[in-house]
N, C-alpha and C. Protein backbone atom coordinates (compact mmCIF):
# COMPACT_ATOMS: atom_id res chain seq x y z
N MET A 1 0.85 -1.17 0.00
CA MET A 1 0.00 0.00 0.00
C MET A 1 0.90 1.24 0.00
N GLN A 2 0.75 2.01 -0.99
CA GLN A 2 1.56 3.21 -1.18
C GLN A 2 0.86 4.41 -0.55
N CYS A 3 1.65 5.26 0.12
CA CYS A 3 1.12 6.49 0.73
C CYS A 3 1.44 7.64 -0.20
N THR A 4 0.51 8.51 -0.31
CA THR A 4 0.75 9.71 -1.10
C THR A 4 1.61 10.66 -0.29
N LYS A 5 2.12 11.66 -0.97
CA LYS A 5 2.97 12.65 -0.29
C LYS A 5 2.18 13.36 0.81
N ARG A 6 0.93 13.60 0.54
CA ARG A 6 0.10 14.29 1.54
C ARG A 6 -0.07 13.42 2.78
N GLN A 7 -0.32 12.17 2.61
CA GLN A 7 -0.47 11.24 3.73
C GLN A 7 0.85 11.08 4.49
N GLN A 8 1.95 11.07 3.76
CA GLN A 8 3.27 10.96 4.40
C GLN A 8 3.56 12.19 5.26
N SER A 9 3.26 13.36 4.74
CA SER A 9 3.50 14.58 5.51
C SER A 9 2.57 14.66 6.73
N LEU A 10 1.35 14.17 6.57
CA LEU A 10 0.41 14.14 7.70
C LEU A 10 0.90 13.17 8.77
N LEU A 11 1.39 12.02 8.34
CA LEU A 11 1.93 11.04 9.27
C LEU A 11 3.16 11.59 10.00
N LEU A 12 4.00 12.29 9.27
CA LEU A 12 5.18 12.91 9.86
C LEU A 12 4.78 13.97 10.89
N CYS A 13 3.77 14.76 10.57
CA CYS A 13 3.28 15.79 11.51
C CYS A 13 2.75 15.15 12.79
N VAL A 14 2.04 14.04 12.66
CA VAL A 14 1.50 13.34 13.82
C VAL A 14 2.64 12.76 14.66
N ILE A 15 3.62 12.16 13.99
CA ILE A 15 4.75 11.56 14.69
C ILE A 15 5.56 12.62 15.44
N ILE A 16 5.74 13.77 14.86
CA ILE A 16 6.49 14.85 15.51
C ILE A 16 5.60 15.63 16.48
N GLY A 17 4.33 15.83 16.12
CA GLY A 17 3.42 16.67 16.91
C GLY A 17 3.02 16.08 18.25
N LEU A 18 2.76 14.78 18.28
CA LEU A 18 2.33 14.15 19.53
C LEU A 18 3.38 14.27 20.64
N PRO A 19 4.63 13.88 20.39
CA PRO A 19 5.62 14.04 21.46
C PRO A 19 5.85 15.50 21.85
N CYS A 20 5.82 16.40 20.85
CA CYS A 20 6.00 17.83 21.17
C CYS A 20 4.84 18.34 22.03
N GLY A 21 3.61 17.92 21.67
CA GLY A 21 2.43 18.34 22.44
C GLY A 21 2.48 17.83 23.87
N PHE A 22 2.85 16.54 24.02
CA PHE A 22 2.97 15.98 25.37
C PHE A 22 4.10 16.66 26.14
N GLY A 23 5.17 17.01 25.44
CA GLY A 23 6.28 17.71 26.09
C GLY A 23 5.87 19.07 26.60
N VAL A 24 5.14 19.83 25.78
CA VAL A 24 4.64 21.16 26.19
C VAL A 24 3.67 21.01 27.34
N LEU A 25 2.79 20.01 27.28
CA LEU A 25 1.83 19.77 28.36
C LEU A 25 2.54 19.41 29.66
N LEU A 26 3.54 18.54 29.57
CA LEU A 26 4.31 18.15 30.75
C LEU A 26 5.08 19.35 31.33
N LEU A 27 5.66 20.16 30.45
CA LEU A 27 6.39 21.36 30.89
C LEU A 27 5.44 22.34 31.59
N SER A 28 4.26 22.56 31.01
CA SER A 28 3.27 23.46 31.62
C SER A 28 2.83 22.96 32.99
N PHE A 29 2.55 21.67 33.07
CA PHE A 29 2.14 21.07 34.33
C PHE A 29 3.25 21.22 35.38
N SER A 30 4.48 21.00 34.98
CA SER A 30 5.62 21.13 35.90
C SER A 30 5.77 22.55 36.39
N VAL A 31 5.61 23.53 35.51
CA VAL A 31 5.73 24.94 35.90
C VAL A 31 4.64 25.30 36.91
N VAL A 32 3.40 24.86 36.66
CA VAL A 32 2.30 25.14 37.60
C VAL A 32 2.58 24.49 38.95
N LEU A 33 3.03 23.25 38.94
CA LEU A 33 3.32 22.54 40.18
C LEU A 33 4.45 23.20 40.96
N LEU A 34 5.51 23.56 40.28
CA LEU A 34 6.64 24.23 40.95
C LEU A 34 6.25 25.61 41.48
N THR A 35 5.43 26.33 40.74
CA THR A 35 4.96 27.65 41.20
C THR A 35 4.13 27.52 42.46
N ARG A 36 3.23 26.54 42.49
CA ARG A 36 2.41 26.33 43.70
C ARG A 36 3.28 25.96 44.89
N ARG A 37 4.22 25.06 44.67
CA ARG A 37 5.10 24.64 45.75
C ARG A 37 5.93 25.83 46.26
N TRP A 38 6.39 26.67 45.35
CA TRP A 38 7.17 27.85 45.74
C TRP A 38 6.31 28.79 46.57
N LYS A 39 5.05 29.03 46.15
CA LYS A 39 4.15 29.92 46.90
C LYS A 39 3.88 29.36 48.29
N ILE A 40 3.69 28.04 48.41
CA ILE A 40 3.45 27.42 49.71
C ILE A 40 4.66 27.60 50.62
N ASN A 41 5.85 27.40 50.06
CA ASN A 41 7.08 27.57 50.85
C ASN A 41 7.26 29.02 51.30
N VAL A 42 6.96 29.96 50.42
CA VAL A 42 7.05 31.39 50.78
C VAL A 42 6.07 31.69 51.91
N GLN A 43 4.84 31.17 51.80
CA GLN A 43 3.83 31.40 52.83
C GLN A 43 4.25 30.79 54.17
N LYS A 44 4.84 29.58 54.14
CA LYS A 44 5.30 28.95 55.38
C LYS A 44 6.41 29.77 56.03
N ARG A 45 7.35 30.26 55.21
CA ARG A 45 8.44 31.08 55.76
C ARG A 45 7.90 32.38 56.34
N LEU A 46 6.92 32.98 55.66
CA LEU A 46 6.32 34.22 56.14
C LEU A 46 5.62 33.98 57.48
N CYS A 47 4.86 32.88 57.58
CA CYS A 47 4.18 32.54 58.84
C CYS A 47 5.19 32.31 59.96
N LYS A 48 6.27 31.62 59.64
CA LYS A 48 7.31 31.35 60.63
C LYS A 48 7.96 32.65 61.10
N ASN A 49 8.20 33.57 60.16
CA ASN A 49 8.78 34.87 60.53
C ASN A 49 7.82 35.68 61.41
N TYR A 50 6.52 35.68 61.06
CA TYR A 50 5.54 36.38 61.90
C TYR A 50 5.48 35.75 63.29
N PHE A 51 5.49 34.42 63.35
CA PHE A 51 5.45 33.72 64.62
C PHE A 51 6.65 34.13 65.49
N TRP A 52 7.82 34.21 64.86
CA TRP A 52 9.04 34.61 65.57
C TRP A 52 8.94 36.07 66.01
N LYS A 53 8.50 36.95 65.11
CA LYS A 53 8.38 38.39 65.41
C LYS A 53 7.36 38.64 66.51
N ASN A 54 6.26 37.89 66.48
CA ASN A 54 5.20 38.06 67.48
C ASN A 54 5.47 37.30 68.77
N GLN A 55 6.68 36.77 68.89
CA GLN A 55 7.14 36.07 70.09
C GLN A 55 6.25 34.88 70.45
N GLY A 56 5.93 34.11 69.44
CA GLY A 56 5.11 32.92 69.63
C GLY A 56 5.78 31.87 70.50
N PHE A 57 7.12 31.80 70.41
CA PHE A 57 7.83 30.82 71.23
C PHE A 57 7.73 31.16 72.72
N LEU A 58 7.73 32.45 73.03
CA LEU A 58 7.54 32.88 74.42
C LEU A 58 6.16 32.47 74.90
N LEU A 59 5.13 32.69 74.07
CA LEU A 59 3.77 32.32 74.46
C LEU A 59 3.64 30.80 74.61
N GLU A 60 4.24 30.04 73.71
CA GLU A 60 4.22 28.58 73.84
C GLU A 60 4.83 28.14 75.16
N ARG A 61 5.94 28.75 75.53
CA ARG A 61 6.61 28.40 76.78
C ARG A 61 5.74 28.77 77.98
N LEU A 62 5.10 29.95 77.93
CA LEU A 62 4.24 30.37 79.04
C LEU A 62 3.04 29.45 79.19
N ILE A 63 2.45 29.04 78.08
CA ILE A 63 1.28 28.15 78.13
C ILE A 63 1.69 26.76 78.62
N SER A 64 2.80 26.24 78.11
CA SER A 64 3.22 24.89 78.50
C SER A 64 3.64 24.82 79.97
N SER A 65 4.13 25.94 80.52
CA SER A 65 4.53 25.94 81.92
C SER A 65 3.35 26.14 82.86
N ASP A 66 2.19 26.52 82.32
CA ASP A 66 1.01 26.78 83.14
C ASP A 66 0.28 25.47 83.42
N LYS A 67 0.19 25.11 84.67
CA LYS A 67 -0.48 23.86 85.07
C LYS A 67 -2.00 23.95 84.91
N SER A 68 -2.56 25.17 85.01
CA SER A 68 -4.01 25.31 84.94
C SER A 68 -4.53 25.44 83.52
N ALA A 69 -3.66 25.54 82.53
CA ALA A 69 -4.11 25.65 81.14
C ALA A 69 -4.79 24.34 80.74
N ASN A 70 -5.95 24.47 80.12
CA ASN A 70 -6.66 23.26 79.71
C ASN A 70 -6.41 22.96 78.24
N GLU A 71 -7.04 21.90 77.75
CA GLU A 71 -6.80 21.47 76.36
C GLU A 71 -7.34 22.46 75.35
N ASN A 72 -8.25 23.35 75.75
CA ASN A 72 -8.79 24.35 74.83
C ASN A 72 -7.83 25.53 74.63
N THR A 73 -6.86 25.67 75.50
CA THR A 73 -5.90 26.77 75.41
C THR A 73 -4.79 26.35 74.46
N LYS A 74 -4.74 27.01 73.31
CA LYS A 74 -3.72 26.65 72.35
C LYS A 74 -3.46 27.80 71.38
N ILE A 75 -2.38 27.68 70.66
CA ILE A 75 -2.06 28.63 69.60
C ILE A 75 -2.61 28.04 68.31
N PHE A 76 -3.53 28.76 67.69
CA PHE A 76 -4.21 28.27 66.50
C PHE A 76 -3.38 28.53 65.25
N SER A 77 -3.63 27.72 64.22
CA SER A 77 -2.99 27.95 62.93
C SER A 77 -3.84 28.95 62.15
N LEU A 78 -3.19 29.67 61.26
CA LEU A 78 -3.90 30.63 60.43
C LEU A 78 -4.95 29.94 59.57
N GLU A 79 -4.63 28.78 59.03
CA GLU A 79 -5.56 28.04 58.19
C GLU A 79 -6.83 27.68 58.95
N GLU A 80 -6.67 27.28 60.21
CA GLU A 80 -7.83 26.89 61.02
C GLU A 80 -8.76 28.08 61.26
N LEU A 81 -8.18 29.25 61.52
CA LEU A 81 -9.01 30.43 61.78
C LEU A 81 -9.61 30.99 60.49
N GLU A 82 -8.89 30.87 59.38
CA GLU A 82 -9.47 31.29 58.09
C GLU A 82 -10.66 30.42 57.74
N LYS A 83 -10.53 29.12 57.98
CA LYS A 83 -11.64 28.20 57.73
C LYS A 83 -12.82 28.50 58.66
N ALA A 84 -12.51 28.81 59.92
CA ALA A 84 -13.56 29.07 60.91
C ALA A 84 -14.37 30.32 60.56
N THR A 85 -13.73 31.33 59.97
CA THR A 85 -14.42 32.58 59.62
C THR A 85 -14.80 32.65 58.15
N ASN A 86 -14.62 31.53 57.44
CA ASN A 86 -14.91 31.48 56.01
C ASN A 86 -14.13 32.59 55.28
N ASN A 87 -12.81 32.63 55.56
CA ASN A 87 -11.89 33.61 54.99
C ASN A 87 -12.32 35.05 55.27
N SER A 88 -12.65 35.31 56.53
CA SER A 88 -13.06 36.64 56.99
C SER A 88 -14.25 37.17 56.19
N ASP A 89 -15.25 36.32 56.05
CA ASP A 89 -16.46 36.67 55.33
C ASP A 89 -17.14 37.86 56.02
N PRO A 90 -17.49 38.92 55.28
CA PRO A 90 -18.13 40.10 55.89
C PRO A 90 -19.43 39.79 56.62
N THR A 91 -20.12 38.71 56.23
CA THR A 91 -21.36 38.35 56.93
C THR A 91 -21.09 37.78 58.32
N ARG A 92 -19.84 37.44 58.61
CA ARG A 92 -19.46 36.89 59.91
C ARG A 92 -19.01 37.97 60.89
N ILE A 93 -18.99 39.23 60.47
CA ILE A 93 -18.56 40.32 61.36
C ILE A 93 -19.61 40.52 62.44
N ILE A 94 -19.16 40.47 63.71
CA ILE A 94 -20.09 40.69 64.82
C ILE A 94 -19.72 41.93 65.62
N GLY A 95 -18.62 42.57 65.28
CA GLY A 95 -18.23 43.79 65.98
C GLY A 95 -17.12 44.52 65.25
N ARG A 96 -17.13 45.83 65.41
CA ARG A 96 -16.09 46.68 64.82
C ARG A 96 -15.60 47.61 65.91
N GLY A 97 -14.32 47.89 65.84
CA GLY A 97 -13.76 48.78 66.83
C GLY A 97 -12.60 49.55 66.24
N GLY A 98 -12.01 50.41 67.04
CA GLY A 98 -10.89 51.21 66.60
C GLY A 98 -9.67 50.38 66.29
N HIS A 99 -9.57 49.22 66.93
CA HIS A 99 -8.38 48.38 66.74
C HIS A 99 -8.60 47.23 65.77
N GLY A 100 -9.83 47.01 65.30
CA GLY A 100 -10.03 45.92 64.35
C GLY A 100 -11.46 45.41 64.31
N MET A 101 -11.59 44.23 63.71
CA MET A 101 -12.89 43.60 63.52
C MET A 101 -12.98 42.34 64.37
N VAL A 102 -14.20 41.97 64.73
CA VAL A 102 -14.45 40.73 65.44
C VAL A 102 -15.39 39.88 64.58
N TYR A 103 -14.95 38.64 64.32
CA TYR A 103 -15.70 37.71 63.48
C TYR A 103 -16.23 36.55 64.31
N LYS A 104 -17.39 36.06 63.93
CA LYS A 104 -17.91 34.84 64.52
C LYS A 104 -17.32 33.69 63.72
N GLY A 105 -16.79 32.70 64.43
CA GLY A 105 -16.18 31.56 63.75
C GLY A 105 -16.61 30.25 64.37
N ILE A 106 -16.52 29.19 63.57
CA ILE A 106 -16.84 27.85 64.04
C ILE A 106 -15.60 26.99 63.81
N LEU A 107 -15.00 26.53 64.91
CA LEU A 107 -13.79 25.73 64.82
C LEU A 107 -14.10 24.31 64.35
N SER A 108 -13.08 23.56 64.03
CA SER A 108 -13.26 22.20 63.51
C SER A 108 -13.94 21.28 64.53
N ASP A 109 -13.81 21.58 65.83
CA ASP A 109 -14.48 20.77 66.85
C ASP A 109 -15.89 21.31 67.17
N GLN A 110 -16.41 22.18 66.30
CA GLN A 110 -17.76 22.76 66.36
C GLN A 110 -17.95 23.78 67.48
N ARG A 111 -16.87 24.23 68.11
CA ARG A 111 -16.99 25.31 69.09
C ARG A 111 -17.21 26.62 68.36
N VAL A 112 -18.13 27.43 68.87
CA VAL A 112 -18.38 28.75 68.29
C VAL A 112 -17.51 29.73 69.06
N VAL A 113 -16.73 30.52 68.32
CA VAL A 113 -15.79 31.44 68.93
C VAL A 113 -15.91 32.82 68.29
N ALA A 114 -15.38 33.82 68.98
CA ALA A 114 -15.24 35.16 68.44
C ALA A 114 -13.75 35.36 68.16
N ILE A 115 -13.43 35.80 66.95
CA ILE A 115 -12.04 35.96 66.54
C ILE A 115 -11.80 37.44 66.26
N LYS A 116 -10.92 38.03 67.06
CA LYS A 116 -10.61 39.45 66.90
C LYS A 116 -9.39 39.60 66.01
N LYS A 117 -9.57 40.34 64.94
CA LYS A 117 -8.50 40.59 63.98
C LYS A 117 -8.12 42.06 64.10
N SER A 118 -7.01 42.31 64.77
CA SER A 118 -6.56 43.69 65.00
C SER A 118 -6.00 44.29 63.72
N LYS A 119 -6.01 45.62 63.67
CA LYS A 119 -5.44 46.33 62.52
C LYS A 119 -3.93 46.44 62.64
N PHE A 120 -3.46 46.68 63.84
CA PHE A 120 -2.03 46.89 64.02
C PHE A 120 -1.65 46.65 65.47
N ILE A 121 -0.36 46.46 65.70
CA ILE A 121 0.19 46.40 67.06
C ILE A 121 1.60 46.95 66.97
N GLU A 122 1.95 47.79 67.92
CA GLU A 122 3.29 48.37 67.95
C GLU A 122 4.30 47.30 68.32
N GLU A 123 5.45 47.32 67.67
CA GLU A 123 6.49 46.31 67.91
C GLU A 123 6.97 46.34 69.37
N CYS A 124 7.02 47.52 69.97
CA CYS A 124 7.49 47.62 71.35
C CYS A 124 6.48 47.05 72.34
N GLU A 125 5.23 46.82 71.91
CA GLU A 125 4.19 46.32 72.81
C GLU A 125 4.01 44.80 72.72
N ILE A 126 4.78 44.13 71.87
CA ILE A 126 4.56 42.70 71.64
C ILE A 126 4.79 41.88 72.90
N SER A 127 5.87 42.14 73.63
CA SER A 127 6.14 41.37 74.86
C SER A 127 5.03 41.54 75.87
N GLN A 128 4.58 42.77 76.03
CA GLN A 128 3.49 43.05 76.95
C GLN A 128 2.21 42.33 76.49
N PHE A 129 1.96 42.36 75.20
CA PHE A 129 0.80 41.69 74.62
C PHE A 129 0.84 40.18 74.90
N ILE A 130 2.00 39.55 74.70
CA ILE A 130 2.15 38.11 74.92
C ILE A 130 1.89 37.77 76.38
N ASN A 131 2.46 38.54 77.31
CA ASN A 131 2.24 38.30 78.74
C ASN A 131 0.76 38.46 79.10
N GLU A 132 0.13 39.46 78.51
CA GLU A 132 -1.29 39.71 78.76
C GLU A 132 -2.14 38.53 78.25
N VAL A 133 -1.81 38.04 77.06
CA VAL A 133 -2.53 36.90 76.49
C VAL A 133 -2.37 35.68 77.39
N ALA A 134 -1.16 35.44 77.86
CA ALA A 134 -0.90 34.29 78.73
C ALA A 134 -1.71 34.40 80.02
N VAL A 135 -1.76 35.58 80.61
CA VAL A 135 -2.51 35.78 81.86
C VAL A 135 -4.01 35.62 81.60
N LEU A 136 -4.52 36.22 80.52
CA LEU A 136 -5.95 36.12 80.22
C LEU A 136 -6.38 34.69 79.93
N SER A 137 -5.48 33.90 79.34
CA SER A 137 -5.85 32.51 79.05
C SER A 137 -5.95 31.67 80.32
N GLU A 138 -5.34 32.13 81.41
CA GLU A 138 -5.40 31.41 82.69
C GLU A 138 -6.66 31.72 83.48
N ILE A 139 -7.30 32.85 83.19
CA ILE A 139 -8.47 33.28 83.96
C ILE A 139 -9.67 32.41 83.62
N ASN A 140 -10.32 31.91 84.66
CA ASN A 140 -11.51 31.09 84.48
C ASN A 140 -12.55 31.58 85.48
N HIS A 141 -13.38 32.54 85.04
CA HIS A 141 -14.39 33.15 85.90
C HIS A 141 -15.69 33.25 85.11
N ARG A 142 -16.80 33.06 85.77
CA ARG A 142 -18.09 33.03 85.06
C ARG A 142 -18.46 34.38 84.45
N ASN A 143 -17.90 35.49 84.95
CA ASN A 143 -18.23 36.80 84.42
C ASN A 143 -17.20 37.33 83.42
N ILE A 144 -16.21 36.53 83.08
CA ILE A 144 -15.18 36.97 82.13
C ILE A 144 -15.17 35.99 80.96
N VAL A 145 -15.17 36.55 79.77
CA VAL A 145 -15.17 35.73 78.56
C VAL A 145 -13.86 34.95 78.49
N LYS A 146 -13.96 33.65 78.23
CA LYS A 146 -12.80 32.77 78.17
C LYS A 146 -12.02 33.03 76.89
N GLN A 147 -10.70 33.19 77.04
CA GLN A 147 -9.83 33.36 75.88
C GLN A 147 -9.12 32.05 75.59
N PHE A 148 -9.19 31.60 74.35
CA PHE A 148 -8.55 30.35 73.94
C PHE A 148 -7.18 30.62 73.31
N VAL A 149 -6.59 31.73 73.58
CA VAL A 149 -5.29 32.20 73.11
C VAL A 149 -5.45 32.79 71.72
N CYS A 150 -4.53 32.50 70.79
CA CYS A 150 -4.51 33.28 69.57
C CYS A 150 -3.76 32.58 68.44
N CYS A 151 -3.64 33.31 67.34
CA CYS A 151 -2.81 32.87 66.21
C CYS A 151 -1.76 33.95 66.01
N LEU A 152 -0.50 33.56 66.06
CA LEU A 152 0.59 34.52 65.92
C LEU A 152 1.30 34.39 64.58
N LYS A 153 0.73 33.63 63.66
CA LYS A 153 1.38 33.40 62.37
C LYS A 153 0.90 34.38 61.30
N THR A 154 0.42 35.53 61.73
CA THR A 154 0.02 36.60 60.82
C THR A 154 0.75 37.86 61.24
N GLU A 155 0.66 38.88 60.40
CA GLU A 155 1.37 40.12 60.72
C GLU A 155 0.90 40.68 62.06
N VAL A 156 -0.39 40.62 62.29
CA VAL A 156 -0.97 41.06 63.56
C VAL A 156 -1.71 39.86 64.15
N ALA A 157 -1.54 39.61 65.43
CA ALA A 157 -2.12 38.44 66.08
C ALA A 157 -3.64 38.44 66.00
N LEU A 158 -4.20 37.23 65.88
CA LEU A 158 -5.64 37.02 65.92
C LEU A 158 -5.98 36.43 67.28
N LEU A 159 -6.87 37.08 68.01
CA LEU A 159 -7.27 36.61 69.34
C LEU A 159 -8.54 35.78 69.22
N VAL A 160 -8.60 34.69 69.97
CA VAL A 160 -9.74 33.77 69.91
C VAL A 160 -10.39 33.71 71.29
N TYR A 161 -11.68 34.07 71.34
CA TYR A 161 -12.45 34.10 72.57
C TYR A 161 -13.66 33.18 72.44
N ASP A 162 -14.21 32.82 73.58
CA ASP A 162 -15.47 32.11 73.61
C ASP A 162 -16.54 33.07 73.08
N TYR A 163 -17.45 32.57 72.25
CA TYR A 163 -18.51 33.41 71.68
C TYR A 163 -19.64 33.59 72.69
N VAL A 164 -20.03 34.84 72.89
CA VAL A 164 -21.13 35.14 73.81
C VAL A 164 -22.31 35.60 72.96
N SER A 165 -23.35 34.78 72.91
CA SER A 165 -24.48 35.06 72.00
C SER A 165 -25.36 36.21 72.46
N SER A 166 -25.29 36.57 73.74
CA SER A 166 -26.17 37.61 74.25
C SER A 166 -25.62 39.02 74.01
N GLY A 167 -24.52 39.16 73.33
CA GLY A 167 -23.97 40.48 73.03
C GLY A 167 -22.96 40.92 74.06
N SER A 168 -22.47 42.13 73.86
CA SER A 168 -21.45 42.66 74.76
C SER A 168 -22.07 43.30 75.99
N LEU A 169 -21.26 43.47 77.01
CA LEU A 169 -21.70 44.14 78.23
C LEU A 169 -22.14 45.57 77.92
N SER A 170 -21.41 46.23 77.04
CA SER A 170 -21.75 47.60 76.65
C SER A 170 -23.15 47.67 76.05
N GLU A 171 -23.49 46.72 75.18
CA GLU A 171 -24.83 46.69 74.58
C GLU A 171 -25.90 46.52 75.63
N VAL A 172 -25.66 45.67 76.61
CA VAL A 172 -26.64 45.42 77.66
C VAL A 172 -26.77 46.64 78.57
N LEU A 173 -25.64 47.24 78.94
CA LEU A 173 -25.68 48.40 79.85
C LEU A 173 -26.34 49.62 79.22
N HIS A 174 -26.19 49.78 77.92
CA HIS A 174 -26.71 50.97 77.24
C HIS A 174 -27.97 50.70 76.43
N ALA A 175 -28.64 49.58 76.70
CA ALA A 175 -29.85 49.22 75.95
C ALA A 175 -31.00 50.14 76.33
N ASP A 176 -31.89 50.37 75.36
CA ASP A 176 -33.10 51.16 75.62
C ASP A 176 -34.01 50.41 76.57
N VAL A 177 -34.83 51.15 77.28
CA VAL A 177 -35.77 50.54 78.22
C VAL A 177 -36.75 49.63 77.47
N SER A 178 -37.09 49.98 76.24
CA SER A 178 -38.03 49.19 75.45
C SER A 178 -37.41 47.88 74.96
N ASN A 179 -36.11 47.78 75.02
CA ASN A 179 -35.39 46.60 74.53
C ASN A 179 -35.45 45.48 75.57
N ASP A 180 -35.45 44.24 75.10
CA ASP A 180 -35.47 43.08 76.01
C ASP A 180 -34.19 42.97 76.81
N LEU A 181 -33.10 43.60 76.34
CA LEU A 181 -31.82 43.50 77.02
C LEU A 181 -31.68 44.47 78.19
N SER A 182 -32.67 45.35 78.40
CA SER A 182 -32.54 46.35 79.46
C SER A 182 -32.52 45.68 80.84
N LEU A 183 -31.79 46.30 81.75
CA LEU A 183 -31.60 45.74 83.08
C LEU A 183 -32.37 46.52 84.13
N SER A 184 -32.63 45.86 85.23
CA SER A 184 -33.24 46.55 86.37
C SER A 184 -32.13 47.24 87.16
N TRP A 185 -32.52 48.14 88.06
CA TRP A 185 -31.51 48.84 88.87
C TRP A 185 -30.74 47.85 89.74
N GLY A 186 -31.42 46.81 90.17
CA GLY A 186 -30.75 45.78 90.97
C GLY A 186 -29.64 45.08 90.17
N ASP A 187 -29.93 44.83 88.88
CA ASP A 187 -28.91 44.20 88.02
C ASP A 187 -27.72 45.13 87.82
N TYR A 188 -28.01 46.43 87.60
CA TYR A 188 -26.91 47.40 87.46
C TYR A 188 -26.03 47.41 88.71
N LEU A 189 -26.66 47.37 89.88
CA LEU A 189 -25.93 47.38 91.14
C LEU A 189 -25.10 46.10 91.30
N ARG A 190 -25.70 44.95 90.96
CA ARG A 190 -24.98 43.67 91.04
C ARG A 190 -23.77 43.67 90.11
N ILE A 191 -23.91 44.19 88.90
CA ILE A 191 -22.78 44.26 87.95
C ILE A 191 -21.70 45.18 88.47
N THR A 192 -22.11 46.30 89.04
CA THR A 192 -21.15 47.24 89.59
C THR A 192 -20.35 46.63 90.73
N LEU A 193 -21.04 45.89 91.58
CA LEU A 193 -20.34 45.25 92.71
C LEU A 193 -19.44 44.15 92.22
């Protein structure tokens, strides 16, 4: 069976084109894979640098030396808190303040928490901040919101608190008389004491 020149050139194109096409496809796939791996490594190094800058090792040491710290007291990963707040979804905002936003989050163990994302923190205040976080995580009182520590792998630390569904003390204290949250004078006196 004789092939015409056209069929021969078509066969030659197929023989050369298939390996070249697979080569380009393999090269493209490799570039995408290497780029992703590079971005992940850069992100890990950045998180490690933030953890070091925010004195995360000091906080780890303070928590591990505390005998009263329970299993809920821990330093969270950034990924866990991003997942809990659905990547800081605006519909999850439960409070705004001069220092940042507070988001409602649901952790992987189904605990509902409030996550405070500050705007900034002065570098000279980091040690004081870490000591304050360690002390607050030790407090266990029925009138004080429980702090589950924080995430230090971001530029500014994320604080994680127990979620209080009834709102803030400020909202209750300043509620209108017509509102269900209004307090009696006896309640105001009890809170003051």
